[in-house]
Each structure stands twice: as structure tokens, then as C-alpha cells.
Amino acid sequence: MKHQRLKTPGEVAELLEIHLTKVYDLIRSGALQAEDHSLPGARRKTWRIDVSEVAAFRQRARRLTVSQIEHERRVSSPPSDDVIPFRARRRALTGCGR
């Protein structure tokens, strides 16, 4: 029954709708927790990801995306009318046309 809770990186890529190499990148970076199920002495690692970890990753990614959107809104909001750009302020103070 526990094996049904474990997914291969390919299955996780389908669940998250991302490319398989991105799943491996997330595993290597530690953003997605995975267990190594390879046999001793194997040349390649056989990764398995628990379904609960996939759900937790989705929640973290969703929160991060929302916070990034909010940050972009704050950063890219148009300046108020009373804010004078630096170059315009410099021109006004120095009388320089440039």
C-alpha cells in the first residue's frame, strides 16, 4: 500500500505539469524531497517521491507565486505625481539640458 503513495519523477512531472528535467532539478536543489530507492552499487539513483510531498510542494509553490505577484505589484506600481524622477530633478537643480 505504501508503494502507491510513492511516485516516480516522471509521474510527478505529469502531476505538476512540468518537464522531467525540472523535477530532477527540484530534487537536487532540495525543493522537492525524494527518497533514493536504488540498489547498492547502482550507477544511477532511483528516486521516489511521496504523494504528500508533492502536495506540500504545490502549496509552497502556490504561496511563492502569490507572494511574487504581490511583490511585482508593489514594485511595478506607477509612482505618484509628487515623485520627480532623478534626471528631471537634476536638470531642474543644475539647469543642465541633458
PDB file of N, CA and C in Angstrom:
ATOM      1  N   MET A   1       0.820  -1.190   0.000  1.00  0.00           N
ATOM      2  CA  MET A   1       0.000   0.000   0.000  1.00  0.00           C
ATOM      3  C   MET A   1       0.869   1.262   0.000  1.00  0.00           C
ATOM      4  N   LYS A   2       2.016   1.201   0.679  1.00  0.00           N
ATOM      5  CA  LYS A   2       2.897   2.356   0.724  1.00  0.00           C
ATOM      6  C   LYS A   2       3.445   2.680  -0.663  1.00  0.00           C
ATOM      7  N   HIS A   3       3.617   1.657  -1.507  1.00  0.00           N
ATOM      8  CA  HIS A   3       4.167   1.893  -2.838  1.00  0.00           C
ATOM      9  C   HIS A   3       3.228   2.717  -3.699  1.00  0.00           C
ATOM     10  N   GLN A   4       1.938   2.705  -3.410  1.00  0.00           N
ATOM     11  CA  GLN A   4       1.005   3.528  -4.163  1.00  0.00           C
ATOM     12  C   GLN A   4       1.189   5.002  -3.834  1.00  0.00           C
ATOM     13  N   ARG A   5       1.728   5.278  -2.667  1.00  0.00           N
ATOM     14  CA  ARG A   5       1.956   6.662  -2.266  1.00  0.00           C
ATOM     15  C   ARG A   5       3.246   7.221  -2.859  1.00  0.00           C
ATOM     16  N   LEU A   6       4.102   6.361  -3.380  1.00  0.00           N
ATOM     17  CA  LEU A   6       5.368   6.802  -3.954  1.00  0.00           C
ATOM     18  C   LEU A   6       5.239   6.939  -5.469  1.00  0.00           C
ATOM     19  N   LYS A   7       5.718   8.036  -5.977  1.00  0.00           N
ATOM     20  CA  LYS A   7       5.641   8.310  -7.414  1.00  0.00           C
ATOM     21  C   LYS A   7       7.043   8.433  -7.994  1.00  0.00           C
ATOM     22  N   THR A   8       7.175   8.082  -9.250  1.00  0.00           N
ATOM     23  CA  THR A   8       8.438   8.262  -9.958  1.00  0.00           C
ATOM     24  C   THR A   8       8.556   9.733 -10.364  1.00  0.00           C
ATOM     25  N   PRO A   9       9.758  10.188 -10.687  1.00  0.00           N
ATOM     26  CA  PRO A   9       9.891  11.567 -11.166  1.00  0.00           C
ATOM     27  C   PRO A   9       9.038  11.841 -12.412  1.00  0.00           C
ATOM     28  N   GLY A  10       8.869  10.853 -13.277  1.00  0.00           N
ATOM     29  CA  GLY A  10       8.027  11.037 -14.456  1.00  0.00           C
ATOM     30  C   GLY A  10       6.574  11.255 -14.098  1.00  0.00           C
ATOM     31  N   GLU A  11       6.089  10.495 -13.119  1.00  0.00           N
ATOM     32  CA  GLU A  11       4.703  10.664 -12.670  1.00  0.00           C
ATOM     33  C   GLU A  11       4.508  12.024 -12.000  1.00  0.00           C
ATOM     34  N   VAL A  12       5.517  12.452 -11.249  1.00  0.00           N
ATOM     35  CA  VAL A  12       5.444  13.754 -10.582  1.00  0.00           C
ATOM     36  C   VAL A  12       5.452  14.874 -11.622  1.00  0.00           C
ATOM     37  N   ALA A  13       6.249  14.706 -12.672  1.00  0.00           N
ATOM     38  CA  ALA A  13       6.282  15.705 -13.746  1.00  0.00           C
ATOM     39  C   ALA A  13       4.898  15.854 -14.371  1.00  0.00           C
ATOM     40  N   GLU A  14       4.211  14.742 -14.572  1.00  0.00           N
ATOM     41  CA  GLU A  14       2.854  14.803 -15.118  1.00  0.00           C
ATOM     42  C   GLU A  14       1.894  15.466 -14.142  1.00  0.00           C
ATOM     43  N   LEU A  15       2.001  15.129 -12.861  1.00  0.00           N
ATOM     44  CA  LEU A  15       1.119  15.723 -11.851  1.00  0.00           C
ATOM     45  C   LEU A  15       1.303  17.238 -11.756  1.00  0.00           C
ATOM     46  N   LEU A  16       2.558  17.672 -11.790  1.00  0.00           N
ATOM     47  CA  LEU A  16       2.862  19.095 -11.643  1.00  0.00           C
ATOM     48  C   LEU A  16       2.834  19.838 -12.974  1.00  0.00           C
ATOM     49  N   GLU A  17       2.696  19.085 -14.065  1.00  0.00           N
ATOM     50  CA  GLU A  17       2.691  19.656 -15.415  1.00  0.00           C
ATOM     51  C   GLU A  17       3.961  20.458 -15.693  1.00  0.00           C
ATOM     52  N   ILE A  18       5.093  19.827 -15.379  1.00  0.00           N
ATOM     53  CA  ILE A  18       6.398  20.408 -15.671  1.00  0.00           C
ATOM     54  C   ILE A  18       7.251  19.355 -16.375  1.00  0.00           C
ATOM     55  N   HIS A  19       8.381  19.766 -16.893  1.00  0.00           N
ATOM     56  CA  HIS A  19       9.266  18.850 -17.604  1.00  0.00           C
ATOM     57  C   HIS A  19      10.009  17.955 -16.606  1.00  0.00           C
ATOM     58  N   LEU A  20      10.342  16.759 -17.041  1.00  0.00           N
ATOM     59  CA  LEU A  20      11.024  15.787 -16.183  1.00  0.00           C
ATOM     60  C   LEU A  20      12.349  16.329 -15.646  1.00  0.00           C
ATOM     61  N   THR A  21      13.101  17.038 -16.476  1.00  0.00           N
ATOM     62  CA  THR A  21      14.389  17.573 -16.007  1.00  0.00           C
ATOM     63  C   THR A  21      14.192  18.595 -14.886  1.00  0.00           C
ATOM     64  N   LYS A  22      13.073  19.308 -14.912  1.00  0.00           N
ATOM     65  CA  LYS A  22      12.776  20.267 -13.844  1.00  0.00           C
ATOM     66  C   LYS A  22      12.544  19.536 -12.526  1.00  0.00           C
ATOM     67  N   VAL A  23      11.899  18.360 -12.588  1.00  0.00           N
ATOM     68  CA  VAL A  23      11.688  17.554 -11.380  1.00  0.00           C
ATOM     69  C   VAL A  23      13.041  17.154 -10.790  1.00  0.00           C
ATOM     70  N   TYR A  24      13.952  16.697 -11.645  1.00  0.00           N
ATOM     71  CA  TYR A  24      15.283  16.326 -11.159  1.00  0.00           C
ATOM     72  C   TYR A  24      16.020  17.541 -10.592  1.00  0.00           C
ATOM     73  N   ASP A  25      15.859  18.696 -11.217  1.00  0.00           N
ATOM     74  CA  ASP A  25      16.471  19.925 -10.684  1.00  0.00           C
ATOM     75  C   ASP A  25      15.920  20.252  -9.296  1.00  0.00           C
ATOM     76  N   LEU A  26      14.605  20.085  -9.128  1.00  0.00           N
ATOM     77  CA  LEU A  26      13.984  20.358  -7.832  1.00  0.00           C
ATOM     78  C   LEU A  26      14.463  19.380  -6.772  1.00  0.00           C
ATOM     79  N   ILE A  27      14.667  18.124  -7.159  1.00  0.00           N
ATOM     80  CA  ILE A  27      15.178  17.120  -6.214  1.00  0.00           C
ATOM     81  C   ILE A  27      16.602  17.472  -5.804  1.00  0.00           C
ATOM     82  N   ARG A  28      17.438  17.800  -6.787  1.00  0.00           N
ATOM     83  CA  ARG A  28      18.836  18.139  -6.487  1.00  0.00           C
ATOM     84  C   ARG A  28      18.945  19.382  -5.610  1.00  0.00           C
ATOM     85  N   SER A  29      18.073  20.369  -5.844  1.00  0.00           N
ATOM     86  CA  SER A  29      18.141  21.609  -5.064  1.00  0.00           C
ATOM     87  C   SER A  29      17.563  21.447  -3.659  1.00  0.00           C
ATOM     88  N   GLY A  30      16.805  20.356  -3.443  1.00  0.00           N
ATOM     89  CA  GLY A  30      16.199  20.139  -2.139  1.00  0.00           C
ATOM     90  C   GLY A  30      14.811  20.733  -2.013  1.00  0.00           C
ATOM     91  N   ALA A  31      14.319  21.358  -3.067  1.00  0.00           N
ATOM     92  CA  ALA A  31      12.985  21.951  -3.037  1.00  0.00           C
ATOM     93  C   ALA A  31      11.900  20.879  -3.029  1.00  0.00           C
ATOM     94  N   LEU A  32      12.212  19.711  -3.580  1.00  0.00           N
ATOM     95  CA  LEU A  32      11.286  18.584  -3.604  1.00  0.00           C
ATOM     96  C   LEU A  32      11.989  17.405  -2.943  1.00  0.00           C
ATOM     97  N   GLN A  33      11.450  16.952  -1.818  1.00  0.00           N
ATOM     98  CA  GLN A  33      12.069  15.856  -1.071  1.00  0.00           C
ATOM     99  C   GLN A  33      11.795  14.534  -1.768  1.00  0.00           C
ATOM    100  N   ALA A  34      12.836  13.744  -1.969  1.00  0.00           N
ATOM    101  CA  ALA A  34      12.697  12.449  -2.624  1.00  0.00           C
ATOM    102  C   ALA A  34      13.556  11.424  -1.889  1.00  0.00           C
ATOM    103  N   GLU A  35      13.167  10.164  -2.031  1.00  0.00           N
ATOM    104  CA  GLU A  35      13.911   9.066  -1.414  1.00  0.00           C
ATOM    105  C   GLU A  35      14.655   8.315  -2.507  1.00  0.00           C
ATOM    106  N   ASP A  36      15.874   7.916  -2.197  1.00  0.00           N
ATOM    107  CA  ASP A  36      16.672   7.132  -3.137  1.00  0.00           C
ATOM    108  C   ASP A  36      16.352   5.654  -2.926  1.00  0.00           C
ATOM    109  N   HIS A  37      15.762   5.017  -3.920  1.00  0.00           N
ATOM    110  CA  HIS A  37      15.388   3.607  -3.834  1.00  0.00           C
ATOM    111  C   HIS A  37      16.272   2.739  -4.726  1.00  0.00           C
ATOM    112  N   SER A  38      17.438   3.232  -5.096  1.00  0.00           N
ATOM    113  CA  SER A  38      18.316   2.446  -5.961  1.00  0.00           C
ATOM    114  C   SER A  38      19.002   1.335  -5.162  1.00  0.00           C
ATOM    115  N   LEU A  39      19.399   0.304  -5.872  1.00  0.00           N
ATOM    116  CA  LEU A  39      20.093  -0.815  -5.241  1.00  0.00           C
ATOM    117  C   LEU A  39      21.524  -0.412  -4.905  1.00  0.00           C
ATOM    118  N   PRO A  40      22.108  -1.023  -3.891  1.00  0.00           N
ATOM    119  CA  PRO A  40      23.505  -0.712  -3.547  1.00  0.00           C
ATOM    120  C   PRO A  40      24.412  -0.977  -4.746  1.00  0.00           C
ATOM    121  N   GLY A  41      25.265  -0.032  -5.032  1.00  0.00           N
ATOM    122  CA  GLY A  41      26.197  -0.164  -6.137  1.00  0.00           C
ATOM    123  C   GLY A  41      25.638   0.262  -7.478  1.00  0.00           C
ATOM    124  N   ALA A  42      24.411   0.719  -7.514  1.00  0.00           N
ATOM    125  CA  ALA A  42      23.803   1.146  -8.776  1.00  0.00           C
ATOM    126  C   ALA A  42      24.463   2.432  -9.264  1.00  0.00           C
ATOM    127  N   ARG A  43      24.577   2.556 -10.565  1.00  0.00           N
ATOM    128  CA  ARG A  43      25.199   3.751 -11.134  1.00  0.00           C
ATOM    129  C   ARG A  43      24.274   4.955 -11.095  1.00  0.00           C
ATOM    130  N   ARG A  44      22.981   4.699 -11.256  1.00  0.00           N
ATOM    131  CA  ARG A  44      22.008   5.783 -11.232  1.00  0.00           C
ATOM    132  C   ARG A  44      21.114   5.665 -10.010  1.00  0.00           C
ATOM    133  N   LYS A  45      20.666   6.813  -9.547  1.00  0.00           N
ATOM    134  CA  LYS A  45      19.744   6.829  -8.408  1.00  0.00           C
ATOM    135  C   LYS A  45      18.327   6.604  -8.923  1.00  0.00           C
ATOM    136  N   THR A  46      17.558   5.873  -8.168  1.00  0.00           N
ATOM    137  CA  THR A  46      16.156   5.643  -8.475  1.00  0.00           C
ATOM    138  C   THR A  46      15.340   6.420  -7.452  1.00  0.00           C
ATOM    139  N   TRP A  47      14.842   7.574  -7.868  1.00  0.00           N
ATOM    140  CA  TRP A  47      14.132   8.452  -6.955  1.00  0.00           C
ATOM    141  C   TRP A  47      12.663   8.096  -6.875  1.00  0.00           C
ATOM    142  N   ARG A  48      12.104   8.229  -5.676  1.00  0.00           N
ATOM    143  CA  ARG A  48      10.678   8.086  -5.450  1.00  0.00           C
ATOM    144  C   ARG A  48      10.235   9.244  -4.564  1.00  0.00           C
ATOM    145  N   ILE A  49       9.109   9.834  -4.938  1.00  0.00           N
ATOM    146  CA  ILE A  49       8.591  10.999  -4.226  1.00  0.00           C
ATOM    147  C   ILE A  49       7.233  10.639  -3.640  1.00  0.00           C
ATOM    148  N   ASP A  50       7.058  10.916  -2.358  1.00  0.00           N
ATOM    149  CA  ASP A  50       5.791  10.639  -1.683  1.00  0.00           C
ATOM    150  C   ASP A  50       4.730  11.626  -2.174  1.00  0.00           C
ATOM    151  N   VAL A  51       3.509  11.142  -2.307  1.00  0.00           N
ATOM    152  CA  VAL A  51       2.401  11.971  -2.782  1.00  0.00           C
ATOM    153  C   VAL A  51       2.182  13.167  -1.864  1.00  0.00           C
ATOM    154  N   SER A  52       2.345  12.972  -0.554  1.00  0.00           N
ATOM    155  CA  SER A  52       2.164  14.086   0.388  1.00  0.00           C
ATOM    156  C   SER A  52       3.216  15.167   0.167  1.00  0.00           C
ATOM    157  N   GLU A  53       4.419  14.771  -0.246  1.00  0.00           N
ATOM    158  CA  GLU A  53       5.469  15.755  -0.554  1.00  0.00           C
ATOM    159  C   GLU A  53       5.110  16.552  -1.807  1.00  0.00           C
ATOM    160  N   VAL A  54       4.502  15.888  -2.778  1.00  0.00           N
ATOM    161  CA  VAL A  54       4.062  16.593  -3.992  1.00  0.00           C
ATOM    162  C   VAL A  54       3.002  17.626  -3.632  1.00  0.00           C
ATOM    163  N   ALA A  55       2.049  17.241  -2.770  1.00  0.00           N
ATOM    164  CA  ALA A  55       1.001  18.174  -2.336  1.00  0.00           C
ATOM    165  C   ALA A  55       1.606  19.347  -1.559  1.00  0.00           C
ATOM    166  N   ALA A  56       2.562  19.054  -0.684  1.00  0.00           N
ATOM    167  CA  ALA A  56       3.216  20.121   0.086  1.00  0.00           C
ATOM    168  C   ALA A  56       4.000  21.049  -0.837  1.00  0.00           C
ATOM    169  N   PHE A  57       4.656  20.482  -1.833  1.00  0.00           N
ATOM    170  CA  PHE A  57       5.404  21.298  -2.798  1.00  0.00           C
ATOM    171  C   PHE A  57       4.457  22.215  -3.561  1.00  0.00           C
ATOM    172  N   ARG A  58       3.298  21.684  -3.965  1.00  0.00           N
ATOM    173  CA  ARG A  58       2.308  22.513  -4.671  1.00  0.00           C
ATOM    174  C   ARG A  58       1.886  23.695  -3.815  1.00  0.00           C
ATOM    175  N   GLN A  59       1.644  23.446  -2.525  1.00  0.00           N
ATOM    176  CA  GLN A  59       1.238  24.529  -1.622  1.00  0.00           C
ATOM    177  C   GLN A  59       2.340  25.575  -1.497  1.00  0.00           C
ATOM    178  N   ARG A  60       3.589  25.115  -1.330  1.00  0.00           N
ATOM    179  CA  ARG A  60       4.712  26.062  -1.229  1.00  0.00           C
ATOM    180  C   ARG A  60       4.854  26.859  -2.516  1.00  0.00           C
ATOM    181  N   ALA A  61       4.729  26.194  -3.657  1.00  0.00           N
ATOM    182  CA  ALA A  61       4.867  26.867  -4.947  1.00  0.00           C
ATOM    183  C   ALA A  61       3.740  27.872  -5.148  1.00  0.00           C
ATOM    184  N   ARG A  62       2.528  27.517  -4.746  1.00  0.00           N
ATOM    185  CA  ARG A  62       1.381  28.419  -4.880  1.00  0.00           C
ATOM    186  C   ARG A  62       1.578  29.652  -4.009  1.00  0.00           C
ATOM    187  N   ARG A  63       2.026  29.443  -2.771  1.00  0.00           N
ATOM    188  CA  ARG A  63       2.273  30.582  -1.870  1.00  0.00           C
ATOM    189  C   ARG A  63       3.359  31.475  -2.429  1.00  0.00           C
ATOM    190  N   LEU A  64       4.418  30.868  -2.944  1.00  0.00           N
ATOM    191  CA  LEU A  64       5.522  31.639  -3.501  1.00  0.00           C
ATOM    192  C   LEU A  64       5.055  32.433  -4.706  1.00  0.00           C
ATOM    193  N   THR A  65       4.254  31.824  -5.553  1.00  0.00           N
ATOM    194  CA  THR A  65       3.765  32.512  -6.738  1.00  0.00           C
ATOM    195  C   THR A  65       2.904  33.702  -6.346  1.00  0.00           C
ATOM    196  N   VAL A  66       2.027  33.528  -5.375  1.00  0.00           N
ATOM    197  CA  VAL A  66       1.174  34.629  -4.926  1.00  0.00           C
ATOM    198  C   VAL A  66       2.027  35.741  -4.340  1.00  0.00           C
ATOM    199  N   SER A  67       3.024  35.394  -3.531  1.00  0.00           N
ATOM    200  CA  SER A  67       3.868  36.435  -2.941  1.00  0.00           C
ATOM    201  C   SER A  67       4.703  37.138  -4.009  1.00  0.00           C
ATOM    202  N   GLN A  68       5.130  36.403  -5.041  1.00  0.00           N
ATOM    203  CA  GLN A  68       5.867  37.041  -6.133  1.00  0.00           C
ATOM    204  C   GLN A  68       4.976  38.021  -6.894  1.00  0.00           C
ATOM    205  N   ILE A  69       3.732  37.631  -7.117  1.00  0.00           N
ATOM    206  CA  ILE A  69       2.796  38.521  -7.811  1.00  0.00           C
ATOM    207  C   ILE A  69       2.557  39.781  -6.991  1.00  0.00           C
ATOM    208  N   GLU A  70       2.360  39.605  -5.680  1.00  0.00           N
ATOM    209  CA  GLU A  70       2.152  40.769  -4.821  1.00  0.00           C
ATOM    210  C   GLU A  70       3.377  41.666  -4.815  1.00  0.00           C
ATOM    211  N   HIS A  71       4.561  41.063  -4.789  1.00  0.00           N
ATOM    212  CA  HIS A  71       5.798  41.839  -4.816  1.00  0.00           C
ATOM    213  C   HIS A  71       5.907  42.621  -6.125  1.00  0.00           C
ATOM    214  N   GLU A  72       5.601  41.976  -7.245  1.00  0.00           N
ATOM    215  CA  GLU A  72       5.663  42.648  -8.542  1.00  0.00           C
ATOM    216  C   GLU A  72       4.695  43.822  -8.587  1.00  0.00           C
ATOM    217  N   ARG A  73       3.520  43.656  -8.012  1.00  0.00           N
ATOM    218  CA  ARG A  73       2.554  44.756  -7.996  1.00  0.00           C
ATOM    219  C   ARG A  73       3.084  45.938  -7.205  1.00  0.00           C
ATOM    220  N   ARG A  74       3.737  45.642  -6.073  1.00  0.00           N
ATOM    221  CA  ARG A  74       4.286  46.733  -5.256  1.00  0.00           C
ATOM    222  C   ARG A  74       5.438  47.420  -5.972  1.00  0.00           C
ATOM    223  N   VAL A  75       6.299  46.627  -6.590  1.00  0.00           N
ATOM    224  CA  VAL A  75       7.487  47.179  -7.242  1.00  0.00           C
ATOM    225  C   VAL A  75       7.126  47.933  -8.503  1.00  0.00           C
ATOM    226  N   SER A  76       6.192  47.398  -9.289  1.00  0.00           N
ATOM    227  CA  SER A  76       5.905  47.993 -10.583  1.00  0.00           C
ATOM    228  C   SER A  76       4.749  48.991 -10.548  1.00  0.00           C
ATOM    229  N   SER A  77       4.264  49.325  -9.372  1.00  0.00           N
ATOM    230  CA  SER A  77       3.178  50.298  -9.314  1.00  0.00           C
ATOM    231  C   SER A  77       3.705  51.654  -9.775  1.00  0.00           C
ATOM    232  N   PRO A  78       2.903  52.389 -10.522  1.00  0.00           N
ATOM    233  CA  PRO A  78       3.379  53.672 -11.040  1.00  0.00           C
ATOM    234  C   PRO A  78       3.645  54.658  -9.907  1.00  0.00           C
ATOM    235  N   PRO A  79       4.684  55.468 -10.049  1.00  0.00           N
ATOM    236  CA  PRO A  79       4.996  56.429  -8.994  1.00  0.00           C
ATOM    237  C   PRO A  79       3.903  57.494  -8.906  1.00  0.00           C
ATOM    238  N   SER A  80       3.769  58.054  -7.741  1.00  0.00           N
ATOM    239  CA  SER A  80       2.774  59.118  -7.568  1.00  0.00           C
ATOM    240  C   SER A  80       3.251  60.383  -8.273  1.00  0.00           C
ATOM    241  N   ASP A  81       2.349  61.314  -8.486  1.00  0.00           N
ATOM    242  CA  ASP A  81       2.666  62.536  -9.231  1.00  0.00           C
ATOM    243  C   ASP A  81       3.692  63.417  -8.525  1.00  0.00           C
ATOM    244  N   ASP A  82       3.763  63.331  -7.207  1.00  0.00           N
ATOM    245  CA  ASP A  82       4.678  64.202  -6.480  1.00  0.00           C
ATOM    246  C   ASP A  82       6.122  63.685  -6.500  1.00  0.00           C
ATOM    247  N   VAL A  83       6.345  62.491  -7.034  1.00  0.00           N
ATOM    248  CA  VAL A  83       7.695  61.952  -7.120  1.00  0.00           C
ATOM    249  C   VAL A  83       8.310  62.404  -8.437  1.00  0.00           C
ATOM    250  N   ILE A  84       9.431  63.103  -8.356  1.00  0.00           N
ATOM    251  CA  ILE A  84      10.112  63.581  -9.557  1.00  0.00           C
ATOM    252  C   ILE A  84      11.268  62.640  -9.844  1.00  0.00           C
ATOM    253  N   PRO A  85      11.363  62.131 -11.067  1.00  0.00           N
ATOM    254  CA  PRO A  85      12.484  61.256 -11.399  1.00  0.00           C
ATOM    255  C   PRO A  85      13.821  61.961 -11.180  1.00  0.00           C
ATOM    256  N   PHE A  86      14.852  61.184 -10.922  1.00  0.00           N
ATOM    257  CA  PHE A  86      16.173  61.727 -10.592  1.00  0.00           C
ATOM    258  C   PHE A  86      16.698  62.658 -11.682  1.00  0.00           C
ATOM    259  N   ARG A  87      16.601  62.235 -12.945  1.00  0.00           N
ATOM    260  CA  ARG A  87      17.157  63.075 -14.028  1.00  0.00           C
ATOM    261  C   ARG A  87      16.429  64.412 -14.127  1.00  0.00           C
ATOM    262  N   ALA A  88      15.122  64.398 -13.996  1.00  0.00           N
ATOM    263  CA  ALA A  88      14.361  65.650 -14.062  1.00  0.00           C
ATOM    264  C   ALA A  88      14.736  66.552 -12.887  1.00  0.00           C
ATOM    265  N   ARG A  89      14.918  65.968 -11.726  1.00  0.00           N
ATOM    266  CA  ARG A  89      15.311  66.746 -10.548  1.00  0.00           C
ATOM    267  C   ARG A  89      16.699  67.332 -10.741  1.00  0.00           C
ATOM    268  N   ARG A  90      17.619  66.537 -11.330  1.00  0.00           N
ATOM    269  CA  ARG A  90      18.977  67.021 -11.570  1.00  0.00           C
ATOM    270  C   ARG A  90      18.972  68.160 -12.576  1.00  0.00           C
ATOM    271  N   ARG A  91      18.162  68.005 -13.638  1.00  0.00           N
ATOM    272  CA  ARG A  91      18.072  69.075 -14.641  1.00  0.00           C
ATOM    273  C   ARG A  91      17.543  70.359 -14.015  1.00  0.00           C
ATOM    274  N   ALA A  92      16.549  70.235 -13.161  1.00  0.00           N
ATOM    275  CA  ALA A  92      15.952  71.422 -12.527  1.00  0.00           C
ATOM    276  C   ALA A  92      16.966  72.105 -11.611  1.00  0.00           C
ATOM    277  N   LEU A  93      17.767  71.300 -10.899  1.00  0.00           N
ATOM    278  CA  LEU A  93      18.715  71.887  -9.969  1.00  0.00           C
ATOM    279  C   LEU A  93      19.948  72.470 -10.654  1.00  0.00           C
ATOM    280  N   THR A  94      20.454  71.803 -11.693  1.00  0.00           N
ATOM    281  CA  THR A  94      21.699  72.249 -12.330  1.00  0.00           C
ATOM    282  C   THR A  94      21.465  73.138 -13.529  1.00  0.00           C
ATOM    283  N   GLY A  95      20.251  73.122 -14.082  1.00  0.00           N
ATOM    284  CA  GLY A  95      19.976  73.928 -15.264  1.00  0.00           C
ATOM    285  C   GLY A  95      20.560  73.306 -16.513  1.00  0.00           C
ATOM    286  N   CYS A  96      21.054  72.090 -16.379  1.00  0.00           N
ATOM    287  CA  CYS A  96      21.620  71.350 -17.498  1.00  0.00           C
ATOM    288  C   CYS A  96      20.500  70.866 -18.391  1.00  0.00           C
ATOM    289  N   GLY A  97      20.678  70.939 -19.678  1.00  0.00           N
ATOM    290  CA  GLY A  97      19.664  70.455 -20.612  1.00  0.00           C
ATOM    291  C   GLY A  97      19.721  68.964 -20.796  1.00  0.00           C
ATOM    292  N   ARG A  98      20.722  68.357 -20.312  1.00  0.00           N
ATOM    293  CA  ARG A  98      20.904  66.927 -20.519  1.00  0.00           C
ATOM    294  C   ARG A  98      20.656  66.100 -19.323  1.00  0.00           C
TER     295      ARG A  98
END
